[in-house]
């Protein structure tokens, strides 16, 4: 056993997606702020994932987000973001930022 729980990002993520699909956020009801955790739609598969807002582009209505369980970033419409309940913000992201030394 590797000690890695491969089910962790999937099970809560699936529940979060189901919650957002069954009770979708109202467009314009959430205003993402820099540094805030939220749910954001990933354009490649149109699914909801946990994300951290890294930049707000007020002139375009878009936000840059980091998907905290996978490590990829994207620019999404602010209307493609939704607030997260405490149940989904209390667990740390599965991806972690790192840098290579002396490169």
Foldseek 3Di string as FASTA:
>chain_A
DPPDDPCVQPPVQVVQQVVCVVPPDDQPPDAADAQDWWWFQDVVVRTTAIWGFHAQDVVVQWTWIARQQPGDIDIGHRSRIGHDDCVVVVDGHNDDDDDDPPD
